[in-house]
C-alpha atoms as a PDB file:
ATOM      1  CA  MET A   1      84.267  62.566 216.017  1.00  0.00           C
ATOM      2  CA  ALA A   2      83.083  63.809 212.604  1.00  0.00           C
ATOM      3  CA  VAL A   3      80.289  65.789 214.255  1.00  0.00           C
ATOM      4  CA  HIS A   4      82.713  67.460 216.653  1.00  0.00           C
ATOM      5  CA  ASP A   5      85.098  68.292 213.791  1.00  0.00           C
ATOM      6  CA  ALA A   6      82.221  69.553 211.635  1.00  0.00           C
ATOM      7  CA  LEU A   7      81.022  71.796 214.459  1.00  0.00           C
ATOM      8  CA  ALA A   8      84.518  73.250 214.886  1.00  0.00           C
ATOM      9  CA  ARG A   9      84.653  73.883 211.139  1.00  0.00           C
ATOM     10  CA  LEU A  10      81.259  75.613 211.229  1.00  0.00           C
ATOM     11  CA  GLN A  11      82.564  77.825 214.022  1.00  0.00           C
ATOM     12  CA  ALA A  12      85.677  78.610 211.951  1.00  0.00           C
ATOM     13  CA  LEU A  13      83.451  79.520 208.999  1.00  0.00           C
ATOM     14  CA  HIS A  14      81.362  81.822 211.180  1.00  0.00           C
ATOM     15  CA  ASP A  15      84.491  83.416 212.655  1.00  0.00           C
ATOM     16  CA  SER A  16      85.906  83.975 209.165  1.00  0.00           C
ATOM     17  CA  LEU A  17      82.708  85.780 208.181  1.00  0.00           C
ATOM     18  CA  LEU A  18      83.099  88.045 211.204  1.00  0.00           C
ATOM     19  CA  ALA A  19      86.654  88.803 210.040  1.00  0.00           C
ATOM     20  CA  VAL A  20      85.348  89.677 206.557  1.00  0.00           C
ATOM     21  CA  LYS A  21      82.771  91.971 208.119  1.00  0.00           C
ATOM     22  CA  ASP A  22      85.474  93.707 210.174  1.00  0.00           C
ATOM     23  CA  ALA A  23      87.809  93.934 207.172  1.00  0.00           C
ATOM     24  CA  LEU A  24      85.131  95.604 205.056  1.00  0.00           C
ATOM     25  CA  THR A  25      85.250  98.572 207.406  1.00  0.00           C
ATOM     26  CA  ALA A  26      89.056  98.601 207.629  1.00  0.00           C
ATOM     27  CA  PRO A  27      90.984 101.127 205.557  1.00  0.00           C
ATOM     28  CA  GLU A  28      93.384  98.445 204.305  1.00  0.00           C
ATOM     29  CA  ASP A  29      92.503  96.515 201.158  1.00  0.00           C
ATOM     30  CA  GLU A  30      94.983  93.810 202.146  1.00  0.00           C
ATOM     31  CA  ALA A  31      92.999  93.051 205.305  1.00  0.00           C
ATOM     32  CA  LEU A  32      89.918  92.357 203.213  1.00  0.00           C
ATOM     33  CA  LEU A  33      91.832  90.102 200.819  1.00  0.00           C
ATOM     34  CA  LEU A  34      93.260  88.106 203.724  1.00  0.00           C
ATOM     35  CA  ALA A  35      89.853  87.815 205.388  1.00  0.00           C
ATOM     36  CA  LEU A  36      88.250  86.642 202.138  1.00  0.00           C
ATOM     37  CA  ALA A  37      91.024  84.074 201.656  1.00  0.00           C
ATOM     38  CA  ARG A  38      90.423  82.730 205.179  1.00  0.00           C
ATOM     39  CA  TYR A  39      86.705  82.543 204.471  1.00  0.00           C
ATOM     40  CA  ASP A  40      87.378  80.597 201.252  1.00  0.00           C
ATOM     41  CA  GLU A  41      89.547  78.135 203.182  1.00  0.00           C
ATOM     42  CA  ALA A  42      86.931  77.711 205.907  1.00  0.00           C
ATOM     43  CA  ALA A  43      84.137  77.246 203.362  1.00  0.00           C
ATOM     44  CA  ALA A  44      86.145  74.630 201.464  1.00  0.00           C
ATOM     45  CA  ALA A  45      86.856  72.741 204.708  1.00  0.00           C
ATOM     46  CA  GLN A  46      83.205  72.160 205.607  1.00  0.00           C
ATOM     47  CA  LEU A  47      82.094  68.572 206.143  1.00  0.00           C
ATOM     48  CA  SER A  48      78.839  66.938 205.188  1.00  0.00           C
ATOM     49  CA  VAL A  49      77.348  65.588 208.417  1.00  0.00           C
ATOM     50  CA  ASP A  50      73.961  64.170 209.361  1.00  0.00           C
ATOM     51  CA  TRP A  51      73.053  66.327 212.337  1.00  0.00           C
ATOM     52  CA  SER A  52      69.655  64.677 212.944  1.00  0.00           C
ATOM     53  CA  GLY A  53      70.721  62.513 215.893  1.00  0.00           C
ATOM     54  CA  SER A  54      73.473  64.708 217.231  1.00  0.00           C
ATOM     55  CA  PRO A  55      73.260  66.477 220.572  1.00  0.00           C
ATOM     56  CA  GLN A  56      75.129  69.377 218.910  1.00  0.00           C
ATOM     57  CA  ARG A  57      72.385  69.785 216.291  1.00  0.00           C
ATOM     58  CA  GLN A  58      70.940  72.948 217.834  1.00  0.00           C
ATOM     59  CA  GLN A  59      74.383  74.518 218.088  1.00  0.00           C
ATOM     60  CA  ALA A  60      75.129  73.632 214.445  1.00  0.00           C
ATOM     61  CA  VAL A  61      71.794  75.031 213.287  1.00  0.00           C
ATOM     62  CA  ALA A  62      72.417  78.247 215.230  1.00  0.00           C
ATOM     63  CA  LEU A  63      75.864  78.644 213.642  1.00  0.00           C
ATOM     64  CA  MET A  64      74.531  77.906 210.158  1.00  0.00           C
ATOM     65  CA  THR A  65      71.635  80.335 210.596  1.00  0.00           C
ATOM     66  CA  ALA A  66      73.899  83.097 211.930  1.00  0.00           C
ATOM     67  CA  SER A  67      76.390  82.503 209.110  1.00  0.00           C
ATOM     68  CA  GLN A  68      73.637  82.611 206.489  1.00  0.00           C
ATOM     69  CA  SER A  69      72.309  85.879 207.897  1.00  0.00           C
ATOM     70  CA  MET A  70      75.781  87.366 207.919  1.00  0.00           C
ATOM     71  CA  LEU A  71      76.386  86.231 204.330  1.00  0.00           C
ATOM     72  CA  GLU A  72      73.177  87.957 203.255  1.00  0.00           C
ATOM     73  CA  GLU A  73      74.328  91.116 205.026  1.00  0.00           C
ATOM     74  CA  LEU A  74      77.868  90.959 203.612  1.00  0.00           C
ATOM     75  CA  LEU A  75      77.157  90.113 199.975  1.00  0.00           C
ATOM     76  CA  PRO A  76      76.136  93.653 198.984  1.00  0.00           C
ATOM     77  CA  LEU A  77      79.173  95.055 200.816  1.00  0.00           C
ATOM     78  CA  VAL A  78      81.542  92.602 199.142  1.00  0.00           C
ATOM     79  CA  ARG A  79      80.000  93.360 195.751  1.00  0.00           C
ATOM     80  CA  ARG A  80      80.406  97.090 196.351  1.00  0.00           C
ATOM     81  CA  ALA A  81      84.049  96.622 197.380  1.00  0.00           C
ATOM     82  CA  ARG A  82      84.622  94.502 194.271  1.00  0.00           C
ATOM     83  CA  ASP A  83      83.013  97.138 192.048  1.00  0.00           C
ATOM     84  CA  GLU A  84      85.069  99.905 193.640  1.00  0.00           C
ATOM     85  CA  SER A  85      88.310  97.975 193.169  1.00  0.00           C
ATOM     86  CA  GLN A  86      87.417  97.198 189.553  1.00  0.00           C
ATOM     87  CA  ALA A  87      86.669 100.883 188.944  1.00  0.00           C
ATOM     88  CA  ALA A  88      90.002 101.869 190.484  1.00  0.00           C
ATOM     89  CA  LEU A  89      91.773  99.301 188.333  1.00  0.00           C
ATOM     90  CA  GLN A  90      90.010 100.654 185.247  1.00  0.00           C
ATOM     91  CA  ASN A  91      91.126 104.185 186.172  1.00  0.00           C
ATOM     92  CA  VAL A  92      94.741 103.003 186.426  1.00  0.00           C
ATOM     93  CA  HIS A  93      94.416 101.245 183.084  1.00  0.00           C
ATOM     94  CA  ASN A  94      92.959 104.372 181.446  1.00  0.00           C
ATOM     95  CA  ALA A  95      95.694 106.571 182.933  1.00  0.00           C
ATOM     96  CA  ASP A  96      98.306 104.148 181.606  1.00  0.00           C
ATOM     97  CA  LYS A  97      96.748 104.310 178.132  1.00  0.00           C
ATOM     98  CA  LEU A  98      96.783 108.126 178.238  1.00  0.00           C
ATOM     99  CA  ASN A  99     100.417 108.180 179.369  1.00  0.00           C
ATOM    100  CA  ARG A 100     101.369 105.889 176.501  1.00  0.00           C
ATOM    101  CA  ALA A 101      99.430 107.986 174.018  1.00  0.00           C
ATOM    102  CA  TYR A 102     101.286 111.169 175.033  1.00  0.00           C
ATOM    103  CA  ARG A 103     104.727 109.589 174.720  1.00  0.00           C
END
């Protein structure tokens, strides 16, 4: 049963990465935050399983490999989105400081 549950959790992790990928191209920042939160939940829910004797081993390896590839593809995009949001936040902070200075 643990192997079956672990495989379902790997699939959920992979699906959450697909949602992050889709959200990165969406115009809504909230969509990205929700997708990242779902990914965090899926990553935290992973189980440690010995796949060596499991008939689902190949399926698990395929999911893990695809997820790893997607993570490598998404990391630069997530970093860029983070940097852009930090820059926007800094701009708001600077504008607030200027507004206070002119009061």
